[in-house]
All heavy atoms as atom14 arrays in JSON, in Angstrom:
{
  "sequence": "ESLLLITKGKSFRKVKREEIINYNQNRAFIKAVIKNENILIIIEKDN",
  "atom14_mask": [
    [1, 1, 1, 1, 1, 1, 1, 1, 1, 0, 0, 0, 0, 0],
    [1, 1, 1, 1, 1, 1, 0, 0, 0, 0, 0, 0, 0, 0],
    [1, 1, 1, 1, 1, 1, 1, 1, 0, 0, 0, 0, 0, 0],
    [1, 1, 1, 1, 1, 1, 1, 1, 0, 0, 0, 0, 0, 0],
    [1, 1, 1, 1, 1, 1, 1, 1, 0, 0, 0, 0, 0, 0],
    [1, 1, 1, 1, 1, 1, 1, 1, 0, 0, 0, 0, 0, 0],
    [1, 1, 1, 1, 1, 1, 1, 0, 0, 0, 0, 0, 0, 0],
    [1, 1, 1, 1, 1, 1, 1, 1, 1, 0, 0, 0, 0, 0],
    [1, 1, 1, 1, 0, 0, 0, 0, 0, 0, 0, 0, 0, 0],
    [1, 1, 1, 1, 1, 1, 1, 1, 1, 0, 0, 0, 0, 0],
    [1, 1, 1, 1, 1, 1, 0, 0, 0, 0, 0, 0, 0, 0],
    [1, 1, 1, 1, 1, 1, 1, 1, 1, 1, 1, 0, 0, 0],
    [1, 1, 1, 1, 1, 1, 1, 1, 1, 1, 1, 0, 0, 0],
    [1, 1, 1, 1, 1, 1, 1, 1, 1, 0, 0, 0, 0, 0],
    [1, 1, 1, 1, 1, 1, 1, 0, 0, 0, 0, 0, 0, 0],
    [1, 1, 1, 1, 1, 1, 1, 1, 1, 0, 0, 0, 0, 0],
    [1, 1, 1, 1, 1, 1, 1, 1, 1, 1, 1, 0, 0, 0],
    [1, 1, 1, 1, 1, 1, 1, 1, 1, 0, 0, 0, 0, 0],
    [1, 1, 1, 1, 1, 1, 1, 1, 1, 0, 0, 0, 0, 0],
    [1, 1, 1, 1, 1, 1, 1, 1, 0, 0, 0, 0, 0, 0],
    [1, 1, 1, 1, 1, 1, 1, 1, 0, 0, 0, 0, 0, 0],
    [1, 1, 1, 1, 1, 1, 1, 1, 0, 0, 0, 0, 0, 0],
    [1, 1, 1, 1, 1, 1, 1, 1, 1, 1, 1, 1, 0, 0],
    [1, 1, 1, 1, 1, 1, 1, 1, 0, 0, 0, 0, 0, 0],
    [1, 1, 1, 1, 1, 1, 1, 1, 1, 0, 0, 0, 0, 0],
    [1, 1, 1, 1, 1, 1, 1, 1, 0, 0, 0, 0, 0, 0],
    [1, 1, 1, 1, 1, 1, 1, 1, 1, 1, 1, 0, 0, 0],
    [1, 1, 1, 1, 1, 0, 0, 0, 0, 0, 0, 0, 0, 0],
    [1, 1, 1, 1, 1, 1, 1, 1, 1, 1, 1, 0, 0, 0],
    [1, 1, 1, 1, 1, 1, 1, 1, 0, 0, 0, 0, 0, 0],
    [1, 1, 1, 1, 1, 1, 1, 1, 1, 0, 0, 0, 0, 0],
    [1, 1, 1, 1, 1, 0, 0, 0, 0, 0, 0, 0, 0, 0],
    [1, 1, 1, 1, 1, 1, 1, 0, 0, 0, 0, 0, 0, 0],
    [1, 1, 1, 1, 1, 1, 1, 1, 0, 0, 0, 0, 0, 0],
    [1, 1, 1, 1, 1, 1, 1, 1, 1, 0, 0, 0, 0, 0],
    [1, 1, 1, 1, 1, 1, 1, 1, 0, 0, 0, 0, 0, 0],
    [1, 1, 1, 1, 1, 1, 1, 1, 1, 0, 0, 0, 0, 0],
    [1, 1, 1, 1, 1, 1, 1, 1, 0, 0, 0, 0, 0, 0],
    [1, 1, 1, 1, 1, 1, 1, 1, 0, 0, 0, 0, 0, 0],
    [1, 1, 1, 1, 1, 1, 1, 1, 0, 0, 0, 0, 0, 0],
    [1, 1, 1, 1, 1, 1, 1, 1, 0, 0, 0, 0, 0, 0],
    [1, 1, 1, 1, 1, 1, 1, 1, 0, 0, 0, 0, 0, 0],
    [1, 1, 1, 1, 1, 1, 1, 1, 0, 0, 0, 0, 0, 0],
    [1, 1, 1, 1, 1, 1, 1, 1, 1, 0, 0, 0, 0, 0],
    [1, 1, 1, 1, 1, 1, 1, 1, 1, 0, 0, 0, 0, 0],
    [1, 1, 1, 1, 1, 1, 1, 1, 0, 0, 0, 0, 0, 0],
    [1, 1, 1, 1, 1, 1, 1, 1, 0, 0, 0, 0, 0, 0]
  ],
  "atom14_positions": [
    [[-6.89, -6.32, -2.22], [-5.89, -5.47, -2.89], [-4.51, -5.3, -2.04], [-3.46, -5.37, -2.54], [-6.44, -4.16, -3.35], [-5.52, -3.14, -3.99], [-6.15, -1.78, -4.01], [-6.66, -1.31, -3.14], [-6.0, -1.14, -5.27], [0.0, 0.0, 0.0], [0.0, 0.0, 0.0], [0.0, 0.0, 0.0], [0.0, 0.0, 0.0], [0.0, 0.0, 0.0]],
    [[-4.78, -5.01, -0.83], [-3.65, -4.68, 0.09], [-2.76, -5.98, 0.25], [-1.48, -5.95, 0.24], [-4.14, -4.31, 1.53], [-4.63, -5.52, 2.24], [0.0, 0.0, 0.0], [0.0, 0.0, 0.0], [0.0, 0.0, 0.0], [0.0, 0.0, 0.0], [0.0, 0.0, 0.0], [0.0, 0.0, 0.0], [0.0, 0.0, 0.0], [0.0, 0.0, 0.0]],
    [[-3.37, -7.17, 0.15], [-2.5, -8.4, 0.19], [-1.63, -8.59, -1.07], [-0.58, -9.05, -0.97], [-3.43, -9.66, 0.32], [-4.35, -9.66, 1.6], [-5.06, -11.03, 1.56], [-3.53, -9.5, 2.85], [0.0, 0.0, 0.0], [0.0, 0.0, 0.0], [0.0, 0.0, 0.0], [0.0, 0.0, 0.0], [0.0, 0.0, 0.0], [0.0, 0.0, 0.0]],
    [[-2.22, -8.07, -2.19], [-1.45, -8.14, -3.39], [-0.3, -7.11, -3.37], [0.82, -7.4, -3.85], [-2.34, -7.86, -4.69], [-3.21, -9.08, -5.06], [-4.35, -8.64, -5.95], [-2.49, -10.21, -5.64], [0.0, 0.0, 0.0], [0.0, 0.0, 0.0], [0.0, 0.0, 0.0], [0.0, 0.0, 0.0], [0.0, 0.0, 0.0], [0.0, 0.0, 0.0]],
    [[-0.5, -6.01, -2.9], [0.54, -5.0, -2.7], [1.63, -5.54, -1.76], [2.82, -5.32, -2.0], [-0.03, -3.69, -2.02], [-0.9, -2.8, -3.03], [-1.57, -1.67, -2.26], [0.16, -2.2, -4.07], [0.0, 0.0, 0.0], [0.0, 0.0, 0.0], [0.0, 0.0, 0.0], [0.0, 0.0, 0.0], [0.0, 0.0, 0.0], [0.0, 0.0, 0.0]],
    [[1.16, -6.33, -0.77], [2.31, -6.94, 0.15], [3.06, -8.0, -0.57], [4.33, -7.99, -0.52], [1.59, -7.53, 1.33], [0.98, -6.39, 2.23], [2.63, -8.36, 2.23], [-0.02, -6.9, 3.26], [0.0, 0.0, 0.0], [0.0, 0.0, 0.0], [0.0, 0.0, 0.0], [0.0, 0.0, 0.0], [0.0, 0.0, 0.0], [0.0, 0.0, 0.0]],
    [[2.42, -8.9, -1.22], [3.05, -10.11, -1.8], [3.79, -9.81, -3.09], [4.78, -10.39, -3.5], [2.04, -11.24, -1.96], [0.94, -10.86, -2.75], [1.6, -11.67, -0.55], [0.0, 0.0, 0.0], [0.0, 0.0, 0.0], [0.0, 0.0, 0.0], [0.0, 0.0, 0.0], [0.0, 0.0, 0.0], [0.0, 0.0, 0.0], [0.0, 0.0, 0.0]],
    [[3.07, -9.0, -4.06], [3.51, -8.8, -5.41], [4.03, -7.31, -5.56], [4.78, -7.03, -6.57], [2.46, -8.99, -6.46], [1.98, -10.43, -6.38], [0.97, -10.74, -7.47], [1.55, -10.77, -8.84], [0.61, -11.12, -9.79], [0.0, 0.0, 0.0], [0.0, 0.0, 0.0], [0.0, 0.0, 0.0], [0.0, 0.0, 0.0], [0.0, 0.0, 0.0]],
    [[3.73, -6.39, -4.65], [4.23, -5.1, -4.91], [3.31, -4.23, -5.81], [3.72, -3.08, -6.0], [0.0, 0.0, 0.0], [0.0, 0.0, 0.0], [0.0, 0.0, 0.0], [0.0, 0.0, 0.0], [0.0, 0.0, 0.0], [0.0, 0.0, 0.0], [0.0, 0.0, 0.0], [0.0, 0.0, 0.0], [0.0, 0.0, 0.0], [0.0, 0.0, 0.0]],
    [[2.15, -4.79, -6.25], [1.31, -4.0, -7.1], [-0.17, -4.43, -6.95], [-0.45, -5.5, -6.47], [1.8, -4.13, -8.54], [1.61, -5.53, -9.09], [2.25, -5.64, -10.54], [2.27, -7.03, -11.09], [2.7, -7.03, -12.47], [0.0, 0.0, 0.0], [0.0, 0.0, 0.0], [0.0, 0.0, 0.0], [0.0, 0.0, 0.0], [0.0, 0.0, 0.0]],
    [[-1.09, -3.56, -7.29], [-2.51, -3.78, -7.22], [-2.95, -4.37, -8.57], [-2.34, -4.31, -9.6], [-3.25, -2.49, -6.95], [-4.65, -2.71, -7.2], [0.0, 0.0, 0.0], [0.0, 0.0, 0.0], [0.0, 0.0, 0.0], [0.0, 0.0, 0.0], [0.0, 0.0, 0.0], [0.0, 0.0, 0.0], [0.0, 0.0, 0.0], [0.0, 0.0, 0.0]],
    [[-4.08, -5.0, -8.46], [-4.71, -5.49, -9.69], [-5.64, -4.46, -10.36], [-6.12, -4.6, -11.45], [-5.6, -6.76, -9.41], [-6.74, -6.52, -8.55], [-8.07, -6.29, -9.11], [-6.63, -6.57, -7.12], [-9.16, -6.05, -8.22], [-7.75, -6.3, -6.37], [-8.97, -6.07, -6.89], [0.0, 0.0, 0.0], [0.0, 0.0, 0.0], [0.0, 0.0, 0.0]],
    [[-5.84, -3.38, -9.64], [-6.67, -2.18, -10.1], [-5.7, -1.2, -10.81], [-4.57, -1.01, -10.34], [-7.4, -1.56, -8.99], [-8.46, -2.42, -8.28], [-8.72, -1.84, -7.02], [-10.12, -2.25, -6.48], [-10.44, -2.06, -5.24], [-9.71, -1.47, -4.38], [-11.62, -2.44, -4.83], [0.0, 0.0, 0.0], [0.0, 0.0, 0.0], [0.0, 0.0, 0.0]],
    [[-6.29, -0.59, -11.83], [-5.62, 0.61, -12.37], [-6.12, 1.87, -11.74], [-7.12, 2.43, -12.11], [-5.84, 0.68, -13.92], [-5.29, -0.47, -14.63], [-5.47, -0.4, -16.12], [-4.83, -1.55, -16.91], [-5.11, -1.54, -18.38], [0.0, 0.0, 0.0], [0.0, 0.0, 0.0], [0.0, 0.0, 0.0], [0.0, 0.0, 0.0], [0.0, 0.0, 0.0]],
    [[-5.46, 2.2, -10.67], [-5.83, 3.41, -9.85], [-4.72, 4.31, -9.57], [-3.56, 3.96, -9.69], [-6.46, 2.91, -8.53], [-7.71, 2.14, -8.72], [-5.46, 2.14, -7.73], [0.0, 0.0, 0.0], [0.0, 0.0, 0.0], [0.0, 0.0, 0.0], [0.0, 0.0, 0.0], [0.0, 0.0, 0.0], [0.0, 0.0, 0.0], [0.0, 0.0, 0.0]],
    [[-5.15, 5.57, -9.31], [-4.06, 6.52, -8.77], [-3.76, 6.38, -7.35], [-4.64, 5.9, -6.61], [-4.56, 8.07, -9.02], [-4.9, 8.33, -10.57], [-5.41, 9.74, -10.73], [-5.64, 10.01, -12.23], [-6.25, 11.38, -12.32], [0.0, 0.0, 0.0], [0.0, 0.0, 0.0], [0.0, 0.0, 0.0], [0.0, 0.0, 0.0], [0.0, 0.0, 0.0]],
    [[-2.62, 6.74, -6.88], [-2.2, 6.59, -5.54], [-3.12, 7.16, -4.54], [-3.51, 6.64, -3.49], [-0.82, 6.91, -5.24], [0.3, 6.06, -5.92], [1.67, 6.45, -5.43], [2.7, 5.72, -6.14], [3.35, 6.17, -7.11], [3.08, 7.44, -7.61], [4.31, 5.43, -7.79], [0.0, 0.0, 0.0], [0.0, 0.0, 0.0], [0.0, 0.0, 0.0]],
    [[-3.6, 8.42, -4.88], [-4.45, 9.13, -3.98], [-5.84, 8.44, -3.76], [-6.47, 8.67, -2.65], [-4.77, 10.61, -4.48], [-5.27, 10.64, -5.9], [-4.27, 10.95, -6.87], [-3.11, 10.47, -6.71], [-4.57, 11.75, -7.82], [0.0, 0.0, 0.0], [0.0, 0.0, 0.0], [0.0, 0.0, 0.0], [0.0, 0.0, 0.0], [0.0, 0.0, 0.0]],
    [[-6.18, 7.61, -4.52], [-7.44, 6.81, -4.51], [-7.26, 5.79, -3.42], [-8.35, 5.24, -2.74], [-7.87, 6.24, -5.79], [-8.22, 7.18, -6.93], [-8.57, 6.5, -8.13], [-9.02, 5.42, -8.14], [-8.41, 7.24, -9.21], [0.0, 0.0, 0.0], [0.0, 0.0, 0.0], [0.0, 0.0, 0.0], [0.0, 0.0, 0.0], [0.0, 0.0, 0.0]],
    [[-6.02, 5.36, -3.09], [-5.77, 4.25, -2.06], [-5.78, 4.87, -0.65], [-6.19, 4.36, 0.28], [-4.46, 3.63, -2.36], [-4.53, 2.79, -3.66], [-4.03, 2.76, -1.18], [-3.18, 2.18, -3.98], [0.0, 0.0, 0.0], [0.0, 0.0, 0.0], [0.0, 0.0, 0.0], [0.0, 0.0, 0.0], [0.0, 0.0, 0.0], [0.0, 0.0, 0.0]],
    [[-5.47, 6.18, -0.66], [-5.35, 6.88, 0.7], [-6.73, 7.35, 1.17], [-7.54, 7.87, 0.48], [-4.38, 8.16, 0.58], [-3.09, 7.61, 0.09], [-4.26, 8.8, 1.9], [-2.12, 8.72, -0.33], [0.0, 0.0, 0.0], [0.0, 0.0, 0.0], [0.0, 0.0, 0.0], [0.0, 0.0, 0.0], [0.0, 0.0, 0.0], [0.0, 0.0, 0.0]],
    [[-7.04, 6.94, 2.44], [-8.27, 7.32, 3.06], [-8.49, 8.85, 2.95], [-7.59, 9.66, 2.94], [-8.3, 6.94, 4.51], [-9.67, 7.04, 5.07], [-10.14, 8.09, 5.65], [-10.44, 6.02, 4.96], [0.0, 0.0, 0.0], [0.0, 0.0, 0.0], [0.0, 0.0, 0.0], [0.0, 0.0, 0.0], [0.0, 0.0, 0.0], [0.0, 0.0, 0.0]],
    [[-9.72, 9.22, 2.71], [-10.21, 10.62, 2.55], [-9.7, 11.53, 3.66], [-9.73, 11.2, 4.81], [-11.7, 10.77, 2.46], [-12.28, 12.12, 2.26], [-12.03, 12.69, 0.97], [-12.96, 12.78, 3.25], [-12.59, 14.0, 0.72], [-13.45, 14.02, 2.98], [-13.25, 14.62, 1.68], [-13.7, 15.96, 1.42], [0.0, 0.0, 0.0], [0.0, 0.0, 0.0]],
    [[-9.02, 12.73, 3.34], [-8.58, 13.61, 4.27], [-7.25, 13.23, 4.89], [-6.87, 13.88, 5.9], [-9.62, 14.06, 5.31], [-10.69, 15.05, 4.74], [-10.35, 15.84, 3.86], [-11.76, 15.22, 5.55], [0.0, 0.0, 0.0], [0.0, 0.0, 0.0], [0.0, 0.0, 0.0], [0.0, 0.0, 0.0], [0.0, 0.0, 0.0], [0.0, 0.0, 0.0]],
    [[-6.56, 12.24, 4.42], [-5.28, 11.81, 4.92], [-4.18, 12.11, 3.92], [-4.58, 12.18, 2.71], [-5.38, 10.32, 5.4], [-6.35, 9.94, 6.4], [-6.18, 10.65, 7.83], [-4.98, 10.84, 8.14], [-7.21, 11.04, 8.49], [0.0, 0.0, 0.0], [0.0, 0.0, 0.0], [0.0, 0.0, 0.0], [0.0, 0.0, 0.0], [0.0, 0.0, 0.0]],
    [[-2.98, 12.15, 4.38], [-1.89, 12.44, 3.43], [-1.11, 11.16, 2.95], [-0.54, 11.17, 1.95], [-0.86, 13.44, 4.1], [-1.43, 14.77, 4.45], [-2.1, 15.27, 3.61], [-1.11, 15.27, 5.63], [0.0, 0.0, 0.0], [0.0, 0.0, 0.0], [0.0, 0.0, 0.0], [0.0, 0.0, 0.0], [0.0, 0.0, 0.0], [0.0, 0.0, 0.0]],
    [[-1.26, 10.08, 3.72], [-0.61, 8.84, 3.38], [-1.34, 7.7, 4.01], [-1.98, 7.84, 5.0], [0.93, 8.94, 3.82], [1.13, 9.13, 5.26], [2.55, 9.18, 5.64], [3.28, 10.39, 5.0], [3.26, 11.59, 5.55], [2.75, 11.76, 6.77], [3.93, 12.47, 4.96], [0.0, 0.0, 0.0], [0.0, 0.0, 0.0], [0.0, 0.0, 0.0]],
    [[-1.04, 6.53, 3.35], [-1.55, 5.28, 3.85], [-0.42, 4.37, 4.19], [0.71, 4.45, 3.66], [-2.46, 4.62, 2.85], [0.0, 0.0, 0.0], [0.0, 0.0, 0.0], [0.0, 0.0, 0.0], [0.0, 0.0, 0.0], [0.0, 0.0, 0.0], [0.0, 0.0, 0.0], [0.0, 0.0, 0.0], [0.0, 0.0, 0.0], [0.0, 0.0, 0.0]],
    [[-0.6, 3.5, 5.21], [0.5, 2.57, 5.62], [-0.1, 1.08, 5.55], [-1.19, 0.86, 5.92], [0.89, 2.82, 7.12], [1.42, 4.22, 7.34], [0.5, 5.36, 7.6], [2.76, 4.54, 7.25], [1.04, 6.57, 7.87], [3.23, 5.79, 7.46], [2.41, 6.81, 7.73], [0.0, 0.0, 0.0], [0.0, 0.0, 0.0], [0.0, 0.0, 0.0]],
    [[0.74, 0.25, 5.1], [0.55, -1.2, 5.14], [1.78, -1.8, 5.8], [2.89, -1.55, 5.33], [0.39, -1.8, 3.71], [-0.7, -1.07, 2.94], [0.12, -3.32, 3.79], [-0.76, -1.52, 1.5], [0.0, 0.0, 0.0], [0.0, 0.0, 0.0], [0.0, 0.0, 0.0], [0.0, 0.0, 0.0], [0.0, 0.0, 0.0], [0.0, 0.0, 0.0]],
    [[1.43, -2.6, 6.84], [2.5, -3.29, 7.53], [2.13, -4.83, 7.49], [0.97, -5.13, 7.63], [2.61, -2.81, 8.96], [3.23, -1.53, 9.13], [3.36, -1.2, 10.67], [4.0, 0.29, 10.79], [4.13, 0.64, 12.2], [0.0, 0.0, 0.0], [0.0, 0.0, 0.0], [0.0, 0.0, 0.0], [0.0, 0.0, 0.0], [0.0, 0.0, 0.0]],
    [[3.15, -5.6, 7.35], [2.86, -7.06, 7.26], [4.11, -7.93, 7.77], [5.23, -7.32, 7.8], [2.59, -7.51, 5.86], [0.0, 0.0, 0.0], [0.0, 0.0, 0.0], [0.0, 0.0, 0.0], [0.0, 0.0, 0.0], [0.0, 0.0, 0.0], [0.0, 0.0, 0.0], [0.0, 0.0, 0.0], [0.0, 0.0, 0.0], [0.0, 0.0, 0.0]],
    [[3.81, -9.13, 8.16], [4.92, -10.01, 8.54], [4.76, -11.26, 7.79], [3.75, -11.93, 7.76], [4.92, -10.28, 10.09], [6.01, -11.26, 10.37], [4.97, -9.04, 10.86], [0.0, 0.0, 0.0], [0.0, 0.0, 0.0], [0.0, 0.0, 0.0], [0.0, 0.0, 0.0], [0.0, 0.0, 0.0], [0.0, 0.0, 0.0], [0.0, 0.0, 0.0]],
    [[5.91, -11.6, 6.99], [5.94, -12.89, 6.32], [7.21, -13.63, 6.72], [8.33, -13.13, 6.54], [5.98, -12.71, 4.78], [4.77, -12.01, 4.21], [6.15, -14.11, 4.06], [4.74, -11.65, 2.81], [0.0, 0.0, 0.0], [0.0, 0.0, 0.0], [0.0, 0.0, 0.0], [0.0, 0.0, 0.0], [0.0, 0.0, 0.0], [0.0, 0.0, 0.0]],
    [[7.04, -14.66, 7.53], [8.13, -15.42, 8.09], [8.95, -14.43, 8.98], [8.41, -13.76, 9.96], [9.04, -16.08, 7.07], [9.76, -17.18, 7.72], [10.61, -17.93, 6.64], [11.47, -19.08, 7.3], [12.1, -19.94, 6.28], [0.0, 0.0, 0.0], [0.0, 0.0, 0.0], [0.0, 0.0, 0.0], [0.0, 0.0, 0.0], [0.0, 0.0, 0.0]],
    [[10.25, -14.13, 8.62], [11.09, -13.18, 9.35], [11.19, -11.9, 8.64], [11.96, -11.02, 9.05], [12.43, -13.8, 9.59], [12.39, -15.06, 10.37], [11.68, -15.15, 11.32], [13.24, -16.06, 9.96], [0.0, 0.0, 0.0], [0.0, 0.0, 0.0], [0.0, 0.0, 0.0], [0.0, 0.0, 0.0], [0.0, 0.0, 0.0], [0.0, 0.0, 0.0]],
    [[10.29, -11.67, 7.68], [10.34, -10.38, 6.96], [9.25, -9.41, 7.45], [8.06, -9.76, 7.48], [10.1, -10.65, 5.41], [11.15, -11.7, 4.77], [12.42, -11.05, 4.36], [12.71, -10.0, 4.79], [13.08, -11.71, 3.55], [0.0, 0.0, 0.0], [0.0, 0.0, 0.0], [0.0, 0.0, 0.0], [0.0, 0.0, 0.0], [0.0, 0.0, 0.0]],
    [[9.69, -8.23, 7.86], [8.76, -7.21, 8.27], [8.66, -6.23, 7.15], [9.73, -5.58, 6.75], [9.26, -6.48, 9.61], [9.16, -7.46, 10.76], [8.16, -7.73, 11.19], [10.42, -7.86, 11.19], [0.0, 0.0, 0.0], [0.0, 0.0, 0.0], [0.0, 0.0, 0.0], [0.0, 0.0, 0.0], [0.0, 0.0, 0.0], [0.0, 0.0, 0.0]],
    [[7.46, -6.16, 6.55], [7.23, -5.23, 5.46], [6.45, -4.04, 5.83], [5.45, -4.05, 6.56], [6.44, -6.06, 4.34], [7.16, -7.22, 3.9], [6.17, -5.17, 3.15], [6.55, -8.54, 4.5], [0.0, 0.0, 0.0], [0.0, 0.0, 0.0], [0.0, 0.0, 0.0], [0.0, 0.0, 0.0], [0.0, 0.0, 0.0], [0.0, 0.0, 0.0]],
    [[6.91, -2.88, 5.36], [6.26, -1.64, 5.54], [6.09, -0.9, 4.11], [7.09, -0.77, 3.48], [6.98, -0.67, 6.48], [6.54, 0.79, 6.53], [5.06, 0.86, 7.08], [7.49, 1.65, 7.4], [0.0, 0.0, 0.0], [0.0, 0.0, 0.0], [0.0, 0.0, 0.0], [0.0, 0.0, 0.0], [0.0, 0.0, 0.0], [0.0, 0.0, 0.0]],
    [[4.94, -0.6, 3.72], [4.6, 0.19, 2.54], [4.01, 1.46, 2.85], [2.98, 1.52, 3.54], [3.69, -0.64, 1.61], [4.29, -2.04, 1.3], [3.41, 0.12, 0.26], [3.4, -2.98, 0.54], [0.0, 0.0, 0.0], [0.0, 0.0, 0.0], [0.0, 0.0, 0.0], [0.0, 0.0, 0.0], [0.0, 0.0, 0.0], [0.0, 0.0, 0.0]],
    [[4.58, 2.54, 2.45], [4.04, 3.94, 2.69], [3.62, 4.44, 1.3], [4.39, 4.56, 0.43], [5.14, 4.82, 3.25], [5.67, 4.27, 4.66], [4.55, 6.2, 3.62], [6.84, 4.99, 5.31], [0.0, 0.0, 0.0], [0.0, 0.0, 0.0], [0.0, 0.0, 0.0], [0.0, 0.0, 0.0], [0.0, 0.0, 0.0], [0.0, 0.0, 0.0]],
    [[2.32, 4.84, 1.29], [1.78, 5.3, 0.01], [1.35, 6.71, 0.19], [0.48, 7.08, 1.03], [0.56, 4.42, -0.32], [0.88, 2.95, -0.45], [-0.08, 4.93, -1.65], [-0.33, 2.1, -0.61], [0.0, 0.0, 0.0], [0.0, 0.0, 0.0], [0.0, 0.0, 0.0], [0.0, 0.0, 0.0], [0.0, 0.0, 0.0], [0.0, 0.0, 0.0]],
    [[1.97, 7.63, -0.62], [1.65, 8.98, -0.65], [1.03, 9.36, -2.06], [1.24, 8.53, -2.89], [2.84, 9.82, -0.3], [3.47, 9.54, 1.11], [4.77, 10.24, 1.35], [5.6, 10.3, 0.41], [5.02, 10.66, 2.51], [0.0, 0.0, 0.0], [0.0, 0.0, 0.0], [0.0, 0.0, 0.0], [0.0, 0.0, 0.0], [0.0, 0.0, 0.0]],
    [[0.59, 10.51, -2.27], [-0.07, 10.86, -3.45], [0.96, 10.88, -4.69], [0.53, 10.65, -5.78], [-0.72, 12.29, -3.42], [-1.95, 12.26, -2.36], [-2.56, 13.7, -2.27], [-3.77, 13.68, -1.38], [-4.46, 14.88, -1.31], [0.0, 0.0, 0.0], [0.0, 0.0, 0.0], [0.0, 0.0, 0.0], [0.0, 0.0, 0.0], [0.0, 0.0, 0.0]],
    [[2.21, 11.23, -4.39], [3.16, 11.29, -5.44], [4.29, 10.25, -5.28], [5.4, 10.41, -5.94], [3.71, 12.64, -5.55], [4.26, 13.05, -4.25], [4.23, 12.37, -3.2], [4.92, 14.19, -4.26], [0.0, 0.0, 0.0], [0.0, 0.0, 0.0], [0.0, 0.0, 0.0], [0.0, 0.0, 0.0], [0.0, 0.0, 0.0], [0.0, 0.0, 0.0]],
    [[4.19, 9.27, -4.33], [5.31, 8.32, -4.06], [4.73, 7.08, -3.45], [3.76, 7.13, -2.67], [6.27, 9.06, -3.27], [7.74, 8.29, -3.35], [7.86, 7.4, -4.1], [8.57, 8.8, -2.48], [0.0, 0.0, 0.0], [0.0, 0.0, 0.0], [0.0, 0.0, 0.0], [0.0, 0.0, 0.0], [0.0, 0.0, 0.0], [0.0, 0.0, 0.0]]
  ]
}
């Protein structure tokens, strides 16, 4: 799922953002490198 968020910008699951964030945490981070592109995705409960 994280790879799809990196490459396509969306998940294949129909889920709420808070379900992606680890329990007791406020936000989740995905970092990736594609060629010369550095990608950072910050997922919060409302954003």
